[in-house]
C-alpha atoms as a PDB file:
ATOM      1  CA  UNK A   1      18.613  10.531  22.605  1.00  0.00           C
ATOM      2  CA  UNK A   2      17.982   6.850  21.497  1.00  0.00           C
ATOM      3  CA  UNK A   3      20.743   4.574  19.727  1.00  0.00           C
ATOM      4  CA  UNK A   4      19.112   4.474  16.242  1.00  0.00           C
ATOM      5  CA  UNK A   5      20.014   1.777  14.604  1.00  0.00           C
ATOM      6  CA  UNK A   6      20.650   3.875  11.376  1.00  0.00           C
ATOM      7  CA  UNK A   7      23.518   5.433  12.989  1.00  0.00           C
ATOM      8  CA  UNK A   8      25.033   2.107  11.188  1.00  0.00           C
ATOM      9  CA  UNK A   9      25.071   4.019   8.214  1.00  0.00           C
ATOM     10  CA  UNK A  10      25.101   7.417   9.355  1.00  0.00           C
ATOM     11  CA  UNK A  11      27.281   8.025  12.201  1.00  0.00           C
ATOM     12  CA  UNK A  12      31.280   8.497  12.511  1.00  0.00           C
ATOM     13  CA  UNK A  13      34.186   8.688  10.196  1.00  0.00           C
ATOM     14  CA  UNK A  14      34.155   5.606   8.467  1.00  0.00           C
ATOM     15  CA  UNK A  15      30.559   6.334   7.640  1.00  0.00           C
ATOM     16  CA  UNK A  16      31.619   9.914   5.168  1.00  0.00           C
ATOM     17  CA  UNK A  17      31.378   8.085   1.930  1.00  0.00           C
ATOM     18  CA  UNK A  18      27.376   6.569   3.541  1.00  0.00           C
ATOM     19  CA  UNK A  19      26.692  10.115   4.430  1.00  0.00           C
ATOM     20  CA  UNK A  20      27.994  11.713   1.710  1.00  0.00           C
ATOM     21  CA  UNK A  21      25.486  10.041  -0.571  1.00  0.00           C
ATOM     22  CA  UNK A  22      22.551  10.587   2.127  1.00  0.00           C
ATOM     23  CA  UNK A  23      23.692  14.126   1.332  1.00  0.00           C
ATOM     24  CA  UNK A  24      23.033  13.732  -1.893  1.00  0.00           C
ATOM     25  CA  UNK A  25      18.986  12.820  -1.343  1.00  0.00           C
ATOM     26  CA  UNK A  26      18.595  16.093   0.324  1.00  0.00           C
ATOM     27  CA  UNK A  27      19.808  15.066   4.311  1.00  0.00           C
ATOM     28  CA  UNK A  28      21.900  17.843   5.909  1.00  0.00           C
ATOM     29  CA  UNK A  29      23.952  17.846   9.083  1.00  0.00           C
ATOM     30  CA  UNK A  30      20.838  18.106  11.109  1.00  0.00           C
ATOM     31  CA  UNK A  31      19.166  14.928   9.819  1.00  0.00           C
ATOM     32  CA  UNK A  32      22.192  12.356  10.794  1.00  0.00           C
ATOM     33  CA  UNK A  33      20.612  12.768  14.286  1.00  0.00           C
ATOM     34  CA  UNK A  34      16.701  12.151  13.629  1.00  0.00           C
ATOM     35  CA  UNK A  35      15.605   8.510  12.878  1.00  0.00           C
ATOM     36  CA  UNK A  36      15.233   7.555   9.245  1.00  0.00           C
ATOM     37  CA  UNK A  37      11.383   6.432   8.801  1.00  0.00           C
ATOM     38  CA  UNK A  38      11.108   4.324   5.722  1.00  0.00           C
ATOM     39  CA  UNK A  39       8.031   4.632   3.415  1.00  0.00           C
ATOM     40  CA  UNK A  40       7.078   1.543   1.954  1.00  0.00           C
ATOM     41  CA  UNK A  41       4.854   2.361  -0.985  1.00  0.00           C
ATOM     42  CA  UNK A  42       3.045   0.257  -3.364  1.00  0.00           C
ATOM     43  CA  UNK A  43       1.875   3.339  -6.205  1.00  0.00           C
ATOM     44  CA  UNK A  44       1.185   1.827  -9.582  1.00  0.00           C
ATOM     45  CA  UNK A  45      -0.845   3.044 -12.462  1.00  0.00           C
ATOM     46  CA  UNK A  46      -2.136  -0.721 -13.468  1.00  0.00           C
ATOM     47  CA  UNK A  47      -4.022  -1.258 -10.316  1.00  0.00           C
ATOM     48  CA  UNK A  48      -7.455   0.434  -8.933  1.00  0.00           C
ATOM     49  CA  UNK A  49      -6.488  -0.081  -5.307  1.00  0.00           C
ATOM     50  CA  UNK A  50      -3.358   1.900  -6.118  1.00  0.00           C
ATOM     51  CA  UNK A  51      -3.706   4.136  -8.700  1.00  0.00           C
ATOM     52  CA  UNK A  52      -4.344   7.285  -5.677  1.00  0.00           C
ATOM     53  CA  UNK A  53      -1.097   6.027  -3.319  1.00  0.00           C
ATOM     54  CA  UNK A  54       1.499   8.562  -5.061  1.00  0.00           C
ATOM     55  CA  UNK A  55       0.304  12.027  -3.415  1.00  0.00           C
ATOM     56  CA  UNK A  56      -0.881  10.326  -0.305  1.00  0.00           C
ATOM     57  CA  UNK A  57       2.746   8.547   0.104  1.00  0.00           C
ATOM     58  CA  UNK A  58       4.010  12.054   0.112  1.00  0.00           C
ATOM     59  CA  UNK A  59       1.545  13.212   2.495  1.00  0.00           C
ATOM     60  CA  UNK A  60       2.719  10.657   4.778  1.00  0.00           C
ATOM     61  CA  UNK A  61       6.545  11.715   4.020  1.00  0.00           C
ATOM     62  CA  UNK A  62       5.483  14.910   5.241  1.00  0.00           C
ATOM     63  CA  UNK A  63       3.908  14.120   8.499  1.00  0.00           C
ATOM     64  CA  UNK A  64       6.975  11.813   9.517  1.00  0.00           C
ATOM     65  CA  UNK A  65       9.199  14.625   8.751  1.00  0.00           C
ATOM     66  CA  UNK A  66       6.822  17.767  10.674  1.00  0.00           C
ATOM     67  CA  UNK A  67       7.740  15.378  14.044  1.00  0.00           C
ATOM     68  CA  UNK A  68      11.141  15.289  13.413  1.00  0.00           C
ATOM     69  CA  UNK A  69      11.943  11.516  11.415  1.00  0.00           C
ATOM     70  CA  UNK A  70      13.712  11.337   8.070  1.00  0.00           C
ATOM     71  CA  UNK A  71      11.455  10.003   5.378  1.00  0.00           C
ATOM     72  CA  UNK A  72      12.909   7.676   2.772  1.00  0.00           C
ATOM     73  CA  UNK A  73       9.833   6.339   0.208  1.00  0.00           C
ATOM     74  CA  UNK A  74      10.483   3.995  -2.693  1.00  0.00           C
ATOM     75  CA  UNK A  75       7.836   1.650  -4.250  1.00  0.00           C
ATOM     76  CA  UNK A  76       7.142  -1.702  -4.253  1.00  0.00           C
ATOM     77  CA  UNK A  77       5.127  -3.929  -7.154  1.00  0.00           C
ATOM     78  CA  UNK A  78       1.277  -4.770  -7.375  1.00  0.00           C
ATOM     79  CA  UNK A  79      -0.141  -7.112  -9.527  1.00  0.00           C
ATOM     80  CA  UNK A  80      -3.710  -6.659 -10.116  1.00  0.00           C
ATOM     81  CA  UNK A  81      -5.342  -9.891  -9.431  1.00  0.00           C
ATOM     82  CA  UNK A  82      -8.991  -9.604 -11.261  1.00  0.00           C
ATOM     83  CA  UNK A  83      -7.015  -8.264 -14.012  1.00  0.00           C
ATOM     84  CA  UNK A  84      -4.368 -11.009 -14.332  1.00  0.00           C
ATOM     85  CA  UNK A  85      -7.224 -13.651 -13.857  1.00  0.00           C
ATOM     86  CA  UNK A  86      -8.402 -16.340 -16.510  1.00  0.00           C
ATOM     87  CA  UNK A  87      -4.892 -16.238 -18.455  1.00  0.00           C
ATOM     88  CA  UNK A  88      -1.178 -16.968 -17.745  1.00  0.00           C
ATOM     89  CA  UNK A  89      -0.966 -13.812 -15.817  1.00  0.00           C
ATOM     90  CA  UNK A  90      -2.094 -15.404 -12.406  1.00  0.00           C
ATOM     91  CA  UNK A  91       0.898 -17.093 -12.727  1.00  0.00           C
ATOM     92  CA  UNK A  92       2.593 -14.153 -11.145  1.00  0.00           C
ATOM     93  CA  UNK A  93      -0.138 -13.257  -8.797  1.00  0.00           C
ATOM     94  CA  UNK A  94       1.113 -15.422  -5.888  1.00  0.00           C
ATOM     95  CA  UNK A  95       4.917 -14.973  -6.351  1.00  0.00           C
ATOM     96  CA  UNK A  96       4.246 -11.176  -6.294  1.00  0.00           C
ATOM     97  CA  UNK A  97       3.767 -11.473  -2.537  1.00  0.00           C
ATOM     98  CA  UNK A  98       7.569 -13.041  -2.328  1.00  0.00           C
ATOM     99  CA  UNK A  99       8.894 -10.506  -4.309  1.00  0.00           C
ATOM    100  CA  UNK A 100       7.230  -7.821  -2.376  1.00  0.00           C
ATOM    101  CA  UNK A 101       8.326  -9.460   1.160  1.00  0.00           C
ATOM    102  CA  UNK A 102      11.889  -9.451  -0.176  1.00  0.00           C
ATOM    103  CA  UNK A 103      11.857  -5.924  -1.548  1.00  0.00           C
ATOM    104  CA  UNK A 104      10.507  -4.448   1.239  1.00  0.00           C
ATOM    105  CA  UNK A 105      13.127  -5.978   3.741  1.00  0.00           C
ATOM    106  CA  UNK A 106      15.931  -5.850   1.445  1.00  0.00           C
ATOM    107  CA  UNK A 107      15.757  -1.873   1.440  1.00  0.00           C
ATOM    108  CA  UNK A 108      14.911  -1.491   5.203  1.00  0.00           C
ATOM    109  CA  UNK A 109      17.712  -3.829   6.041  1.00  0.00           C
ATOM    110  CA  UNK A 110      20.323  -2.359   2.861  1.00  0.00           C
ATOM    111  CA  UNK A 111      19.623   1.130   4.425  1.00  0.00           C
ATOM    112  CA  UNK A 112      19.519   0.705   7.989  1.00  0.00           C
ATOM    113  CA  UNK A 113      15.944   2.219   8.724  1.00  0.00           C
ATOM    114  CA  UNK A 114      14.781   2.663  12.226  1.00  0.00           C
ATOM    115  CA  UNK A 115      10.846   2.011  11.150  1.00  0.00           C
ATOM    116  CA  UNK A 116       9.008   1.351   8.551  1.00  0.00           C
ATOM    117  CA  UNK A 117       5.545   2.806   7.094  1.00  0.00           C
ATOM    118  CA  UNK A 118       3.773   0.185   4.891  1.00  0.00           C
ATOM    119  CA  UNK A 119       1.409   2.049   1.921  1.00  0.00           C
ATOM    120  CA  UNK A 120      -0.705  -1.101   0.966  1.00  0.00           C
ATOM    121  CA  UNK A 121      -3.957  -2.470  -0.529  1.00  0.00           C
ATOM    122  CA  UNK A 122      -4.569  -5.185  -2.581  1.00  0.00           C
ATOM    123  CA  UNK A 123      -4.523  -9.062  -2.565  1.00  0.00           C
ATOM    124  CA  UNK A 124      -1.012  -9.902  -2.279  1.00  0.00           C
ATOM    125  CA  UNK A 125       0.417  -6.272  -1.424  1.00  0.00           C
ATOM    126  CA  UNK A 126      -0.864  -6.247   1.955  1.00  0.00           C
ATOM    127  CA  UNK A 127       0.179  -9.742   3.305  1.00  0.00           C
ATOM    128  CA  UNK A 128       3.844  -9.446   1.617  1.00  0.00           C
ATOM    129  CA  UNK A 129       4.266  -6.251   3.476  1.00  0.00           C
ATOM    130  CA  UNK A 130       3.415  -8.336   6.992  1.00  0.00           C
ATOM    131  CA  UNK A 131       5.823 -10.811   5.789  1.00  0.00           C
ATOM    132  CA  UNK A 132       8.277  -8.232   5.249  1.00  0.00           C
ATOM    133  CA  UNK A 133       7.379  -6.701   9.164  1.00  0.00           C
ATOM    134  CA  UNK A 134       7.561  -9.738  10.732  1.00  0.00           C
ATOM    135  CA  UNK A 135      11.204 -10.414   9.396  1.00  0.00           C
ATOM    136  CA  UNK A 136      12.159  -7.054  10.096  1.00  0.00           C
ATOM    137  CA  UNK A 137      11.407  -6.777  13.552  1.00  0.00           C
ATOM    138  CA  UNK A 138      11.208  -2.851  13.757  1.00  0.00           C
ATOM    139  CA  UNK A 139       8.557  -0.180  14.470  1.00  0.00           C
ATOM    140  CA  UNK A 140       6.118  -0.690  11.728  1.00  0.00           C
ATOM    141  CA  UNK A 141       2.136   1.314  10.953  1.00  0.00           C
ATOM    142  CA  UNK A 142       0.467  -0.168   8.535  1.00  0.00           C
ATOM    143  CA  UNK A 143      -2.208   2.302   6.006  1.00  0.00           C
ATOM    144  CA  UNK A 144      -4.273   1.259   3.293  1.00  0.00           C
ATOM    145  CA  UNK A 145      -5.969   3.057   0.165  1.00  0.00           C
ATOM    146  CA  UNK A 146      -8.818   1.458   1.239  1.00  0.00           C
ATOM    147  CA  UNK A 147     -11.583   0.006  -0.632  1.00  0.00           C
ATOM    148  CA  UNK A 148     -13.757   1.599  -3.753  1.00  0.00           C
ATOM    149  CA  UNK A 149     -17.342   2.428  -3.569  1.00  0.00           C
ATOM    150  CA  UNK A 150     -19.750  -0.264  -4.573  1.00  0.00           C
ATOM    151  CA  UNK A 151     -21.463   0.204  -8.111  1.00  0.00           C
ATOM    152  CA  UNK A 152     -24.836   0.864  -9.330  1.00  0.00           C
ATOM    153  CA  UNK A 153     -27.054   0.616 -12.494  1.00  0.00           C
ATOM    154  CA  UNK A 154     -30.378   1.104 -13.593  1.00  0.00           C
ATOM    155  CA  UNK A 155     -30.714  -2.653 -14.300  1.00  0.00           C
ATOM    156  CA  UNK A 156     -30.105  -3.602 -10.516  1.00  0.00           C
ATOM    157  CA  UNK A 157     -31.292  -3.036  -7.168  1.00  0.00           C
ATOM    158  CA  UNK A 158     -28.385  -4.348  -5.493  1.00  0.00           C
ATOM    159  CA  UNK A 159     -24.966  -2.797  -5.376  1.00  0.00           C
ATOM    160  CA  UNK A 160     -22.193  -3.845  -7.776  1.00  0.00           C
ATOM    161  CA  UNK A 161     -18.750  -4.968  -7.407  1.00  0.00           C
ATOM    162  CA  UNK A 162     -16.407  -7.091  -9.893  1.00  0.00           C
ATOM    163  CA  UNK A 163     -18.046 -10.351  -9.118  1.00  0.00           C
ATOM    164  CA  UNK A 164     -20.985  -9.219 -10.772  1.00  0.00           C
ATOM    165  CA  UNK A 165     -19.293  -8.243 -13.562  1.00  0.00           C
ATOM    166  CA  UNK A 166     -17.276 -11.774 -14.206  1.00  0.00           C
ATOM    167  CA  UNK A 167     -21.017 -13.449 -13.413  1.00  0.00           C
ATOM    168  CA  UNK A 168     -22.864 -11.359 -15.713  1.00  0.00           C
ATOM    169  CA  UNK A 169     -20.796 -12.157 -18.248  1.00  0.00           C
ATOM    170  CA  UNK A 170     -20.469 -15.915 -17.988  1.00  0.00           C
ATOM    171  CA  UNK A 171     -23.972 -15.861 -18.164  1.00  0.00           C
ATOM    172  CA  UNK A 172     -25.229 -16.752 -21.819  1.00  0.00           C
ATOM    173  CA  UNK A 173     -28.744 -15.042 -20.871  1.00  0.00           C
ATOM    174  CA  UNK A 174     -27.547 -11.874 -20.101  1.00  0.00           C
ATOM    175  CA  UNK A 175     -27.342  -9.550 -22.829  1.00  0.00           C
ATOM    176  CA  UNK A 176     -24.141  -7.856 -24.467  1.00  0.00           C
ATOM    177  CA  UNK A 177     -25.628  -4.833 -23.599  1.00  0.00           C
ATOM    178  CA  UNK A 178     -26.493  -5.543 -20.036  1.00  0.00           C
ATOM    179  CA  UNK A 179     -23.115  -7.157 -19.596  1.00  0.00           C
ATOM    180  CA  UNK A 180     -21.626  -3.710 -20.775  1.00  0.00           C
ATOM    181  CA  UNK A 181     -23.366  -1.825 -18.539  1.00  0.00           C
ATOM    182  CA  UNK A 182     -22.433  -3.573 -15.085  1.00  0.00           C
ATOM    183  CA  UNK A 183     -18.527  -3.187 -16.232  1.00  0.00           C
ATOM    184  CA  UNK A 184     -18.966  -0.109 -16.623  1.00  0.00           C
ATOM    185  CA  UNK A 185     -20.440   0.212 -13.627  1.00  0.00           C
ATOM    186  CA  UNK A 186     -19.147  -2.314 -11.425  1.00  0.00           C
ATOM    187  CA  UNK A 187     -15.553  -0.368 -10.638  1.00  0.00           C
ATOM    188  CA  UNK A 188     -16.688   3.354 -10.355  1.00  0.00           C
ATOM    189  CA  UNK A 189     -13.657   4.720  -8.212  1.00  0.00           C
ATOM    190  CA  UNK A 190     -10.011   4.329  -7.178  1.00  0.00           C
ATOM    191  CA  UNK A 191      -9.328   1.638  -4.358  1.00  0.00           C
ATOM    192  CA  UNK A 192      -9.339  -1.953  -3.830  1.00  0.00           C
ATOM    193  CA  UNK A 193     -12.370  -4.226  -4.935  1.00  0.00           C
ATOM    194  CA  UNK A 194     -15.209  -3.576  -3.060  1.00  0.00           C
ATOM    195  CA  UNK A 195     -16.223  -6.510  -1.125  1.00  0.00           C
ATOM    196  CA  UNK A 196     -15.410  -9.146   1.310  1.00  0.00           C
ATOM    197  CA  UNK A 197     -12.042 -10.619  -0.509  1.00  0.00           C
ATOM    198  CA  UNK A 198      -8.581 -11.101   0.178  1.00  0.00           C
ATOM    199  CA  UNK A 199      -7.300  -7.197   0.231  1.00  0.00           C
ATOM    200  CA  UNK A 200     -10.089  -5.959   2.471  1.00  0.00           C
ATOM    201  CA  UNK A 201     -10.091  -8.577   4.588  1.00  0.00           C
ATOM    202  CA  UNK A 202      -6.304  -8.116   4.744  1.00  0.00           C
ATOM    203  CA  UNK A 203      -6.785  -4.561   5.639  1.00  0.00           C
ATOM    204  CA  UNK A 204      -8.863  -5.333   8.089  1.00  0.00           C
ATOM    205  CA  UNK A 205      -6.658  -7.823   9.916  1.00  0.00           C
ATOM    206  CA  UNK A 206      -3.671  -5.088   9.977  1.00  0.00           C
ATOM    207  CA  UNK A 207      -6.673  -3.408  12.502  1.00  0.00           C
ATOM    208  CA  UNK A 208      -6.730  -6.581  14.515  1.00  0.00           C
ATOM    209  CA  UNK A 209      -3.240  -7.618  14.794  1.00  0.00           C
ATOM    210  CA  UNK A 210      -2.747  -3.645  16.158  1.00  0.00           C
ATOM    211  CA  UNK A 211      -0.871  -2.679  13.200  1.00  0.00           C
ATOM    212  CA  UNK A 212      -2.778   0.072  11.747  1.00  0.00           C
ATOM    213  CA  UNK A 213      -5.239   2.730  12.856  1.00  0.00           C
ATOM    214  CA  UNK A 214      -8.935   2.197  13.438  1.00  0.00           C
ATOM    215  CA  UNK A 215     -10.791   2.429  10.129  1.00  0.00           C
ATOM    216  CA  UNK A 216      -7.741   1.354   7.657  1.00  0.00           C
ATOM    217  CA  UNK A 217     -10.431  -2.031   6.573  1.00  0.00           C
ATOM    218  CA  UNK A 218     -13.321   0.291   5.995  1.00  0.00           C
ATOM    219  CA  UNK A 219     -13.097   3.478   5.204  1.00  0.00           C
ATOM    220  CA  UNK A 220     -13.342   3.971   1.542  1.00  0.00           C
ATOM    221  CA  UNK A 221     -10.450   5.475  -0.831  1.00  0.00           C
ATOM    222  CA  UNK A 222     -12.518   8.860  -1.775  1.00  0.00           C
ATOM    223  CA  UNK A 223     -13.663   9.825   2.113  1.00  0.00           C
ATOM    224  CA  UNK A 224     -11.634  12.393   3.332  1.00  0.00           C
ATOM    225  CA  UNK A 225     -11.317  10.113   6.548  1.00  0.00           C
ATOM    226  CA  UNK A 226      -9.195   8.011   4.164  1.00  0.00           C
ATOM    227  CA  UNK A 227      -6.234  11.014   4.113  1.00  0.00           C
ATOM    228  CA  UNK A 228      -6.865  11.974   7.721  1.00  0.00           C
ATOM    229  CA  UNK A 229      -6.283   8.074   8.468  1.00  0.00           C
ATOM    230  CA  UNK A 230      -2.395   8.721   6.244  1.00  0.00           C
ATOM    231  CA  UNK A 231      -1.847  11.655   8.273  1.00  0.00           C
ATOM    232  CA  UNK A 232      -2.117  10.331  11.531  1.00  0.00           C
ATOM    233  CA  UNK A 233      -0.111   6.968  10.061  1.00  0.00           C
ATOM    234  CA  UNK A 234       2.815   9.284   9.291  1.00  0.00           C
END
């Protein structure tokens, strides 16, 4: 049997107190011989790229436990750059990446987890989790929430994304009614903003780095294949 680093907090007479606390989280005698897999989720109701991640985190946890691991999930923060843009909120976007990296590192190292699944998606969240993974140097798999579907209105022949709403709002030649129509259609589903922006390019990069499964950067959030990716990641 491999020597798991989680034994630092689960094995030996001197860890009776730690085991008592682990038991309070639902662990039993048989679990102390299994690897502890941290699931770093970034679910939040503030960000469309993350609103659907709560149930998907539990899906990953169940898959981990089905193959003999102990899954322990926690959440980190996520800032929506699009909502924060244009006011002082944007001052918090880049620093949030460092908080994400620190929080994932702290949780995993403080509790001696053996491996990590990162459930990420948007602009600063995937980079922050990548930074944490580099610091931790333990087995890690990334799986993202996926991009949202493109929007469509009767006013435009091409598909819409968030940038179309921003451009229309800044164009005085576009009427308030047209802007409102584009606004309502630009972001039609959950998922990271459609387009090759940082959120999606970073998810593609995790594939290139071999840290996520094929399709992680391109399968839309609403497609059934996205759920299949989460199951395989677990």
